[in-house]
Amino acid sequence: SGNYNQLIDRAIRWLGLAFSLPFLHQSFEWVVFYGYHIWIIYVLFVGIYAGIFLLRRYIDTKNENLLLMSLVGLVLIVFGLHDLFVTLAVLSPDSPHIMPFSALLIIIVISSLLIRRLVQSLEVVEHYNESLQKQVLMKEQKLREEYQKNQLLQKKQILNDERERIMRDIHDGIGGHLVTTLAAIESPDAT
């Protein structure tokens, strides 16, 4: 499977450091010789390893971005091999170096991947925004319903309080008349 291997990653970094040290040599001819005869082979193997890793990950995940990066890596390896063979005189020395043209391909692919990622992020943000708006509308509706229920309960409470007051007034009024009438009947002066 295309799982990440820390041991291989560490080995690639340490070998990269070791293979980079000869570039510190002061002779331009040596640096050119070393770059085209030794360094390029290291870079080629690292590129092949990365391409295989990306293809395995694509097979596992079916992520189109990994396939696109694998294809770009393959193009870079082919262009690099072409330029290496021209430099080593395996191909005609009149053949142009084409590796610099791969920079445009890399820029296009990276831009495409970044734009895809941006669009996906915007879609996710839009989805969450819509979801939040729905939740806010639902909460507003619940608040309105609760407010209406509260208003209705307050009206009922006011009506109940008013009924009780009227009942007290009636009770007190009738009771007062009854007491006055009884007092008048029982009073000796009333006869």
Protein backbone atom coordinates (compact mmCIF):
# COMPACT_ATOMS: atom_id res chain seq x y z
CA SER A 1 0.00 0.00 0.00
CA GLY A 2 1.04 3.63 -0.41
CA ASN A 3 1.58 4.29 3.27
CA TYR A 4 4.10 6.88 4.37
CA ASN A 5 7.43 5.38 5.44
CA GLN A 6 9.39 7.52 7.92
CA LEU A 7 12.57 5.48 7.51
CA ILE A 8 12.69 6.06 3.76
CA ASP A 9 11.83 9.72 4.28
CA ARG A 10 14.69 10.15 6.76
CA ALA A 11 17.10 8.31 4.42
CA ILE A 12 16.12 10.59 1.52
CA ARG A 13 16.75 13.70 3.67
CA TRP A 14 20.13 12.51 4.95
CA LEU A 15 21.25 11.39 1.49
CA GLY A 16 20.09 14.75 0.09
CA LEU A 17 22.22 16.52 2.68
CA ALA A 18 25.21 14.26 1.97
CA PHE A 19 24.87 14.60 -1.81
CA SER A 20 24.54 18.41 -1.45
CA LEU A 21 27.88 18.84 0.35
CA PRO A 22 30.04 18.49 -2.80
CA PHE A 23 28.31 21.60 -4.21
CA LEU A 24 30.36 23.58 -1.68
CA HIS A 25 33.45 22.94 -3.83
CA GLN A 26 34.73 26.15 -5.37
CA SER A 27 35.48 24.90 -8.88
CA PHE A 28 32.67 25.66 -11.32
CA GLU A 29 33.69 22.80 -13.61
CA TRP A 30 33.50 20.38 -10.66
CA VAL A 31 30.05 21.63 -9.63
CA VAL A 32 28.74 21.23 -13.19
CA PHE A 33 30.28 17.79 -13.53
CA TYR A 34 28.96 16.69 -10.13
CA GLY A 35 25.49 18.13 -10.78
CA TYR A 36 25.07 16.44 -14.15
CA HIS A 37 26.70 13.11 -13.32
CA ILE A 38 25.92 12.36 -9.67
CA TRP A 39 23.32 14.76 -8.21
CA ILE A 40 20.90 14.21 -11.11
CA ILE A 41 20.87 10.46 -10.42
CA TYR A 42 19.89 11.07 -6.77
CA VAL A 43 17.17 13.50 -7.85
CA LEU A 44 15.93 10.97 -10.42
CA PHE A 45 15.59 8.21 -7.81
CA VAL A 46 13.83 10.55 -5.39
CA GLY A 47 11.45 11.55 -8.20
CA ILE A 48 10.73 7.94 -9.09
CA TYR A 49 10.11 7.10 -5.42
CA ALA A 50 7.75 10.08 -5.07
CA GLY A 51 5.91 9.11 -8.27
CA ILE A 52 5.44 5.53 -7.10
CA PHE A 53 4.27 6.77 -3.69
CA LEU A 54 1.73 9.12 -5.30
CA LEU A 55 0.45 6.41 -7.67
CA ARG A 56 -0.01 3.98 -4.78
CA ARG A 57 -1.87 6.61 -2.78
CA TYR A 58 -4.04 7.31 -5.84
CA ILE A 59 -4.87 3.61 -6.18
CA ASP A 60 -5.82 3.50 -2.46
CA THR A 61 -7.82 6.76 -2.36
CA LYS A 62 -8.88 7.47 -5.99
CA ASN A 63 -8.01 11.13 -5.31
CA GLU A 64 -7.72 12.90 -8.68
CA ASN A 65 -5.22 15.41 -7.28
CA LEU A 66 -2.76 12.61 -6.58
CA LEU A 67 -3.12 11.31 -10.12
CA LEU A 68 -2.50 14.78 -11.51
CA MET A 69 0.61 15.22 -9.35
CA SER A 70 1.84 11.76 -10.43
CA LEU A 71 1.47 12.64 -14.09
CA VAL A 72 3.31 15.93 -13.61
CA GLY A 73 6.07 14.05 -11.79
CA LEU A 74 6.30 11.62 -14.69
CA VAL A 75 6.62 14.50 -17.15
CA LEU A 76 9.34 16.07 -14.99
CA ILE A 77 11.26 12.78 -14.91
CA VAL A 78 11.01 12.38 -18.69
CA PHE A 79 12.12 15.99 -19.27
CA GLY A 80 14.96 15.55 -16.76
CA LEU A 81 16.12 12.33 -18.41
CA HIS A 82 16.03 14.02 -21.81
CA ASP A 83 18.22 16.87 -20.56
CA LEU A 84 20.56 14.44 -18.80
CA PHE A 85 20.99 12.41 -22.01
CA VAL A 86 21.66 15.61 -23.96
CA THR A 87 24.29 16.67 -21.39
CA LEU A 88 25.92 13.24 -21.39
CA ALA A 89 25.89 13.28 -25.22
CA VAL A 90 23.65 10.20 -25.39
CA LEU A 91 21.28 12.37 -27.45
CA SER A 92 22.39 14.94 -30.00
CA PRO A 93 24.05 17.95 -28.32
CA ASP A 94 21.98 20.16 -30.65
CA SER A 95 18.81 19.00 -28.91
CA PRO A 96 17.52 21.76 -26.61
CA HIS A 97 17.21 21.42 -22.85
CA ILE A 98 13.48 21.16 -22.10
CA MET A 99 13.48 20.91 -18.30
CA PRO A 100 12.98 24.70 -17.84
CA PHE A 101 9.69 24.41 -19.72
CA SER A 102 8.38 22.10 -17.03
CA ALA A 103 8.15 25.11 -14.69
CA LEU A 104 5.07 26.30 -16.60
CA LEU A 105 3.48 22.87 -16.22
CA ILE A 106 4.21 22.87 -12.48
CA ILE A 107 2.73 26.37 -12.11
CA ILE A 108 -0.41 25.36 -14.01
CA VAL A 109 -0.90 22.18 -11.95
CA ILE A 110 -0.26 23.89 -8.61
CA SER A 111 -2.59 26.74 -9.59
CA SER A 112 -5.24 24.24 -10.64
CA LEU A 113 -4.94 22.34 -7.35
CA LEU A 114 -5.07 25.55 -5.32
CA ILE A 115 -8.11 26.78 -7.22
CA ARG A 116 -9.85 23.43 -6.70
CA ARG A 117 -9.06 23.56 -2.99
CA LEU A 118 -10.32 27.15 -2.78
CA VAL A 119 -13.57 26.26 -4.55
CA GLN A 120 -14.07 23.25 -2.27
CA SER A 121 -13.41 25.41 0.80
CA LEU A 122 -15.87 28.03 -0.43
CA GLU A 123 -18.49 25.34 -1.01
CA VAL A 124 -17.97 24.01 2.53
CA VAL A 125 -18.23 27.53 3.96
CA GLU A 126 -21.38 28.16 1.91
CA HIS A 127 -22.87 24.88 3.15
CA TYR A 128 -22.16 25.79 6.77
CA ASN A 129 -23.51 29.28 6.20
CA GLU A 130 -26.77 27.88 4.83
CA SER A 131 -26.96 25.43 7.72
CA LEU A 132 -26.41 28.22 10.24
CA GLN A 133 -29.05 30.37 8.55
CA LYS A 134 -31.55 27.51 8.79
CA GLN A 135 -30.72 27.04 12.46
CA VAL A 136 -31.11 30.78 13.12
CA LEU A 137 -34.49 30.78 11.35
CA MET A 138 -35.62 27.77 13.38
CA LYS A 139 -34.50 29.44 16.62
CA GLU A 140 -36.27 32.67 15.61
CA GLN A 141 -39.45 30.71 14.92
CA LYS A 142 -39.19 28.95 18.30
CA LEU A 143 -38.60 32.29 20.03
CA ARG A 144 -41.65 33.79 18.30
CA GLU A 145 -43.77 30.80 19.34
CA GLU A 146 -42.50 31.03 22.93
CA TYR A 147 -43.13 34.79 22.95
CA GLN A 148 -46.69 34.26 21.67
CA LYS A 149 -47.27 31.56 24.31
CA ASN A 150 -45.88 33.87 26.97
CA GLN A 151 -48.10 36.74 25.78
CA LEU A 152 -51.14 34.44 25.83
CA LEU A 153 -50.28 33.24 29.35
CA GLN A 154 -49.87 36.85 30.49
CA LYS A 155 -53.27 37.76 29.03
CA LYS A 156 -54.86 34.75 30.76
CA GLN A 157 -53.20 35.72 34.02
CA ILE A 158 -54.47 39.32 33.69
CA LEU A 159 -57.99 38.00 32.96
CA ASN A 160 -57.82 35.63 35.93
CA ASP A 161 -56.60 38.43 38.21
CA GLU A 162 -59.43 40.70 37.01
CA ARG A 163 -62.03 37.95 37.55
CA GLU A 164 -60.76 37.37 41.05
CA ARG A 165 -60.92 41.11 41.80
CA ILE A 166 -64.48 41.33 40.45
CA MET A 167 -65.45 38.25 42.45
CA ARG A 168 -63.96 39.78 45.60
CA ASP A 169 -65.78 43.02 44.93
CA ILE A 170 -69.06 41.19 44.36
CA HIS A 171 -68.49 38.98 47.38
CA ASP A 172 -67.50 41.89 49.56
CA GLY A 173 -70.44 43.98 48.24
CA ILE A 174 -73.05 41.25 48.77
CA GLY A 175 -71.49 40.28 52.06
CA GLY A 176 -71.54 43.90 53.19
CA HIS A 177 -75.22 44.28 52.25
CA LEU A 178 -76.09 41.02 54.01
CA VAL A 179 -74.29 42.07 57.18
CA THR A 180 -76.00 45.47 57.10
CA THR A 181 -79.39 43.81 56.49
CA LEU A 182 -78.86 41.29 59.27
CA ALA A 183 -77.71 44.00 61.59
CA ALA A 184 -80.79 46.02 60.75
CA ILE A 185 -83.13 43.06 61.31
CA GLU A 186 -81.57 42.10 64.58
CA SER A 187 -81.44 45.60 65.84
CA PRO A 188 -84.16 46.47 68.39
CA ASP A 189 -84.86 49.73 66.65
CA ALA A 190 -85.92 47.97 63.52
CA THR A 191 -89.17 46.69 65.00
